[in-house]
Protein backbone atom coordinates (compact mmCIF):
# COMPACT_ATOMS: atom_id res chain seq x y z
CA UNK A 1 5.12 -2.24 33.35
CA UNK A 2 7.62 -4.68 31.85
CA UNK A 3 9.53 -3.32 28.85
CA UNK A 4 10.15 -5.89 26.11
CA UNK A 5 11.47 -5.83 22.56
CA UNK A 6 8.27 -5.61 20.51
CA UNK A 7 9.80 -5.33 17.03
CA UNK A 8 8.59 -8.75 15.84
CA UNK A 9 5.21 -8.29 17.53
CA UNK A 10 4.71 -4.93 15.79
CA UNK A 11 5.41 -6.55 12.41
CA UNK A 12 2.60 -9.04 12.98
CA UNK A 13 0.21 -6.34 14.20
CA UNK A 14 0.84 -4.36 11.00
CA UNK A 15 0.27 -7.48 8.88
CA UNK A 16 -2.96 -8.25 10.74
CA UNK A 17 -4.20 -4.70 10.11
CA UNK A 18 -4.25 -5.60 6.41
CA UNK A 19 -6.17 -8.78 7.31
CA UNK A 20 -8.74 -6.80 9.30
CA UNK A 21 -9.30 -4.29 6.47
CA UNK A 22 -9.66 -7.12 3.95
CA UNK A 23 -12.15 -8.97 6.14
CA UNK A 24 -14.13 -5.76 6.67
CA UNK A 25 -14.43 -5.30 2.90
CA UNK A 26 -15.32 -8.97 2.34
CA UNK A 27 -17.99 -8.71 5.04
CA UNK A 28 -19.48 -5.52 3.61
CA UNK A 29 -20.05 -6.99 0.13
CA UNK A 30 -22.29 -9.97 1.10
CA UNK A 31 -23.90 -7.83 3.80
CA UNK A 32 -25.04 -5.37 1.13
CA UNK A 33 -26.31 -8.22 -1.06
CA UNK A 34 -28.01 -9.90 1.91
CA UNK A 35 -29.72 -6.66 2.91
CA UNK A 36 -31.28 -6.32 -0.53
CA UNK A 37 -32.28 -9.97 -0.79
CA UNK A 38 -33.71 -10.20 2.72
CA UNK A 39 -35.59 -6.94 2.19
CA UNK A 40 -37.05 -8.22 -1.07
CA UNK A 41 -37.98 -11.55 0.49
CA UNK A 42 -39.68 -9.90 3.47
CA UNK A 43 -41.55 -7.56 1.13
CA UNK A 44 -42.85 -10.46 -0.99
CA UNK A 45 -43.83 -12.48 2.07
CA UNK A 46 -45.93 -9.64 3.47
CA UNK A 47 -47.35 -8.46 0.12
CA UNK A 48 -51.13 -8.25 -0.26
CA UNK A 49 -52.94 -8.11 -3.61
CA UNK A 50 -56.37 -6.94 -4.75
CA UNK A 51 -57.96 -8.53 -7.82
CA UNK A 52 -59.68 -6.09 -10.15
CA UNK A 53 -60.29 -5.29 -13.82
CA UNK A 54 -57.75 -3.27 -15.78
CA UNK A 55 -58.16 -1.24 -18.96
CA UNK A 56 -55.27 -0.98 -21.47
CA UNK A 57 -55.14 2.69 -22.45
CA UNK A 58 -51.74 3.22 -24.10
CA UNK A 59 -48.58 1.53 -25.35
CA UNK A 60 -44.91 2.49 -25.37
CA UNK A 61 -41.37 1.15 -25.11
CA UNK A 62 -38.93 0.60 -22.27
CA UNK A 63 -35.19 0.82 -22.93
CA UNK A 64 -33.06 -1.35 -20.64
CA UNK A 65 -29.26 -1.81 -20.43
CA UNK A 66 -28.56 -5.53 -20.36
CA UNK A 67 -25.72 -8.02 -20.80
CA UNK A 68 -22.49 -8.81 -18.97
CA UNK A 69 -19.90 -6.27 -17.94
CA UNK A 70 -17.98 -6.76 -21.20
CA UNK A 71 -20.96 -6.87 -23.56
CA UNK A 72 -23.56 -4.45 -22.25
CA UNK A 73 -26.15 -3.31 -24.77
CA UNK A 74 -29.52 -1.59 -24.87
CA UNK A 75 -32.68 -3.63 -25.33
CA UNK A 76 -36.13 -2.21 -26.08
CA UNK A 77 -39.31 -3.82 -24.74
CA UNK A 78 -42.91 -3.05 -25.66
CA UNK A 79 -45.03 -1.85 -22.73
CA UNK A 80 -48.69 -1.10 -22.19
CA UNK A 81 -50.31 1.23 -19.66
CA UNK A 82 -53.07 -0.34 -17.58
CA UNK A 83 -55.60 1.77 -15.66
CA UNK A 84 -57.44 0.16 -12.77
CA UNK A 85 -59.76 0.91 -9.88
CA UNK A 86 -59.45 -0.66 -6.46
CA UNK A 87 -61.59 0.18 -3.41
CA UNK A 88 -60.83 3.74 -2.45
CA UNK A 89 -58.43 4.67 -5.23
CA UNK A 90 -57.67 4.61 -8.95
CA UNK A 91 -54.26 4.08 -10.48
CA UNK A 92 -52.22 2.90 -13.44
CA UNK A 93 -49.04 0.98 -14.13
CA UNK A 94 -46.85 0.04 -17.08
CA UNK A 95 -46.21 -3.63 -17.79
CA UNK A 96 -44.27 -5.41 -20.53
CA UNK A 97 -46.30 -7.26 -23.15
CA UNK A 98 -45.95 -8.10 -26.85
CA UNK A 99 -49.52 -9.32 -27.27
CA UNK A 100 -51.88 -7.14 -25.23
CA UNK A 101 -53.51 -4.44 -27.35
CA UNK A 102 -54.80 -0.97 -26.47
CA UNK A 103 -58.47 -1.09 -25.57
CA UNK A 104 -58.40 -4.57 -24.02
CA UNK A 105 -59.98 -5.26 -20.66
CA UNK A 106 -58.30 -7.88 -18.49
CA UNK A 107 -58.12 -9.22 -14.95
CA UNK A 108 -55.13 -7.93 -12.97
CA UNK A 109 -53.66 -8.24 -9.48
CA UNK A 110 -52.72 -4.93 -7.86
CA UNK A 111 -50.15 -4.94 -5.07
CA UNK A 112 -51.68 -2.98 -2.20
CA UNK A 113 -48.39 -1.52 -0.94
CA UNK A 114 -47.03 -0.28 -4.27
CA UNK A 115 -49.82 -0.27 -6.85
CA UNK A 116 -47.79 -2.50 -9.18
CA UNK A 117 -49.85 -4.59 -11.59
CA UNK A 118 -49.43 -8.32 -12.27
CA UNK A 119 -51.22 -10.20 -15.06
CA UNK A 120 -51.10 -13.51 -13.17
CA UNK A 121 -51.77 -14.32 -9.55
CA UNK A 122 -48.44 -13.84 -7.69
CA UNK A 123 -47.03 -17.08 -6.33
CA UNK A 124 -44.88 -15.56 -3.57
CA UNK A 125 -41.10 -15.86 -3.14
CA UNK A 126 -39.43 -18.51 -5.29
CA UNK A 127 -36.56 -20.87 -4.47
CA UNK A 128 -33.81 -18.49 -5.58
CA UNK A 129 -35.13 -15.65 -3.44
CA UNK A 130 -34.91 -17.92 -0.39
CA UNK A 131 -31.54 -19.31 -1.50
CA UNK A 132 -29.79 -15.96 -1.91
CA UNK A 133 -31.36 -14.41 1.18
CA UNK A 134 -30.33 -17.33 3.41
CA UNK A 135 -26.92 -17.93 1.78
CA UNK A 136 -25.81 -14.29 1.84
CA UNK A 137 -27.04 -13.87 5.43
CA UNK A 138 -25.08 -16.93 6.59
CA UNK A 139 -21.97 -15.82 4.69
CA UNK A 140 -22.24 -12.35 6.22
CA UNK A 141 -22.57 -13.82 9.72
CA UNK A 142 -19.55 -16.09 9.18
CA UNK A 143 -17.35 -13.28 7.84
CA UNK A 144 -18.53 -10.91 10.57
CA UNK A 145 -17.57 -13.45 13.23
CA UNK A 146 -14.15 -13.90 11.59
CA UNK A 147 -13.76 -10.11 11.58
CA UNK A 148 -14.62 -9.90 15.28
CA UNK A 149 -12.03 -12.57 16.09
CA UNK A 150 -9.38 -10.87 13.92
CA UNK A 151 -9.99 -7.48 15.56
CA UNK A 152 -9.98 -9.03 19.04
CA UNK A 153 -6.69 -10.85 18.46
CA UNK A 154 -5.05 -7.78 16.90
CA UNK A 155 -6.03 -5.70 19.94
CA UNK A 156 -4.70 -8.37 22.29
CA UNK A 157 -1.42 -8.55 20.40
CA UNK A 158 -0.99 -4.78 20.37
CA UNK A 159 -1.70 -4.64 24.12
CA UNK A 160 0.37 -7.70 25.10
CA UNK A 161 2.66 -7.30 28.09
CA UNK A 162 4.03 -10.18 30.19
CA UNK A 163 4.09 -8.07 33.42
CA UNK A 164 4.86 -10.98 35.74
CA UNK A 165 2.45 -13.30 33.96
CA UNK A 166 3.54 -16.92 33.99
CA UNK A 167 3.88 -18.65 30.59
CA UNK A 168 0.78 -20.55 29.52
CA UNK A 169 2.89 -23.44 28.21
CA UNK A 170 6.43 -24.65 27.62
CA UNK A 171 7.16 -26.02 24.16
CA UNK A 172 9.94 -28.61 23.90
CA UNK A 173 11.44 -28.14 20.45
CA UNK A 174 12.01 -31.27 18.39
CA UNK A 175 12.76 -29.97 14.91
CA UNK A 176 12.53 -27.06 12.50
CA UNK A 177 11.55 -27.17 8.82
CA UNK A 178 10.90 -24.60 6.10
CA UNK A 179 8.08 -24.45 3.55
CA UNK A 180 7.43 -21.93 0.81
CA UNK A 181 4.08 -20.45 -0.17
CA UNK A 182 2.73 -17.58 -2.21
CA UNK A 183 3.49 -16.50 -5.75
CA UNK A 184 6.78 -17.97 -7.03
CA UNK A 185 7.37 -19.48 -3.59
CA UNK A 186 8.79 -16.24 -2.22
CA UNK A 187 7.09 -16.47 1.16
CA UNK A 188 8.96 -18.71 3.61
CA UNK A 189 7.26 -20.28 6.60
CA UNK A 190 9.11 -21.80 9.51
CA UNK A 191 7.49 -24.82 11.17
CA UNK A 192 8.69 -25.76 14.65
CA UNK A 193 7.58 -29.23 15.74
CA UNK A 194 7.74 -30.50 19.28
CA UNK A 195 5.50 -31.23 22.24
CA UNK A 196 3.84 -29.40 25.08
CA UNK A 197 6.14 -30.13 27.98
CA UNK A 198 3.96 -28.33 30.54
CA UNK A 199 1.07 -25.89 30.67
CA UNK A 200 -0.44 -23.63 33.28
CA UNK A 201 -3.86 -25.29 33.02
CA UNK A 202 -2.56 -28.81 32.47
CA UNK A 203 -4.15 -28.99 29.00
CA UNK A 204 -2.46 -30.82 26.09
CA UNK A 205 0.61 -31.78 28.14
CA UNK A 206 2.54 -34.40 26.21
CA UNK A 207 0.74 -33.65 22.93
CA UNK A 208 2.78 -33.00 19.82
CA UNK A 209 2.23 -29.59 18.29
CA UNK A 210 3.50 -27.23 15.64
CA UNK A 211 4.41 -23.56 15.76
CA UNK A 212 4.16 -21.79 12.41
CA UNK A 213 5.35 -18.29 11.52
CA UNK A 214 6.64 -16.38 8.48
CA UNK A 215 10.43 -16.42 8.42
CA UNK A 216 10.55 -12.62 8.28
CA UNK A 217 8.62 -12.46 11.57
CA UNK A 218 10.94 -14.92 13.32
CA UNK A 219 14.19 -14.03 15.13
CA UNK A 220 17.44 -15.60 13.95
CA UNK A 221 19.28 -17.45 16.71
CA UNK A 222 22.65 -19.28 16.42
CA UNK A 223 21.38 -22.50 18.02
CA UNK A 224 17.74 -23.71 18.09
CA UNK A 225 16.50 -23.48 21.69
CA UNK A 226 15.54 -26.61 23.60
CA UNK A 227 12.46 -24.95 25.03
CA UNK A 228 10.21 -22.04 24.05
CA UNK A 229 7.89 -20.24 26.45
CA UNK A 230 4.41 -19.48 25.12
CA UNK A 231 1.67 -17.00 26.01
CA UNK A 232 -1.78 -17.55 24.51
CA UNK A 233 -3.47 -14.72 22.63
CA UNK A 234 -6.25 -16.90 21.25
CA UNK A 235 -7.06 -20.58 21.23
CA UNK A 236 -8.65 -22.82 18.65
CA UNK A 237 -7.86 -25.08 15.75
CA UNK A 238 -7.86 -22.26 13.19
CA UNK A 239 -6.57 -19.19 15.01
CA UNK A 240 -4.31 -20.38 17.84
CA UNK A 241 -2.16 -17.25 18.07
CA UNK A 242 0.59 -17.24 20.70
CA UNK A 243 3.39 -14.91 21.73
CA UNK A 244 6.65 -16.80 22.19
CA UNK A 245 9.70 -16.00 24.28
CA UNK A 246 13.25 -17.29 23.87
CA UNK A 247 14.99 -16.74 27.22
CA UNK A 248 18.49 -17.38 25.79
CA UNK A 249 18.10 -14.64 23.16
CA UNK A 250 15.69 -12.47 25.20
CA UNK A 251 13.46 -12.06 22.18
CA UNK A 252 9.68 -12.09 21.65
CA UNK A 253 7.79 -13.12 18.52
CA UNK A 254 4.41 -14.39 17.31
CA UNK A 255 3.33 -17.73 15.84
CA UNK A 256 0.29 -19.94 15.36
CA UNK A 257 0.10 -23.04 17.54
CA UNK A 258 -1.71 -26.06 16.10
CA UNK A 259 -1.95 -29.77 16.78
CA UNK A 260 -2.03 -31.55 13.38
CA UNK A 261 -3.37 -35.10 13.51
CA UNK A 262 -0.41 -36.49 11.57
CA UNK A 263 2.00 -35.32 14.31
CA UNK A 264 0.17 -37.37 16.94
CA UNK A 265 1.01 -40.56 15.03
CA UNK A 266 4.67 -39.83 14.34
CA UNK A 267 7.72 -39.29 16.57
CA UNK A 268 9.02 -35.75 16.86
CA UNK A 269 12.15 -35.13 14.79
CA UNK A 270 15.26 -34.55 16.80
């Protein structure tokens, strides 16, 4: 097995571990919400009701904690107890009402699965039930797919070895620029522009591309190299991770390869 200097690669793997943990948390939150919403939607879609007559036999109060996180407060609601008979069983339920009086007889709808009482014929799931169930499910699927990709790429980076493998492409360097991001502009990104001089599969040869990497994950060399050898870890417009090799410095590092549209229209800086 070929032994290479993996110091810069290990830095990226550690950074991506934070990304994976963050994505896992972000996936879990909408997944939990989606589970509850989809479960509620499915329950309402399959609910069956029996119409019967109910008798109001008692009244009481229900104390509920309401409000936003900063202004929670207790609210009291008047409730009445309704007894009912449905084929094969008798039951009762408490419902909120400010107008119904003890002793009244009224028509009610009893949910077969739970015995809960409704004073009006249930209309089934509303728009917002559908909206949150579908939206949270789609968001969960999107984040889960991003998590799978992040985990896959992290595993591939951690396991990367050249071991006689030919470079996937040769990048002819045209220019290097620096941009700053993050809070107070403390994070420096290096952007290497150039073109794909050759590739193992013949794809994108002659196209202008850009290699982007944090400055702290990039080796310092006295003279910018004319050519950089690249090994693909992933491909795609968003997550085109590559391992790069500088033969002159015998050093390995990681960057993201992209093909911005504006580069295709402009000459590469020399």
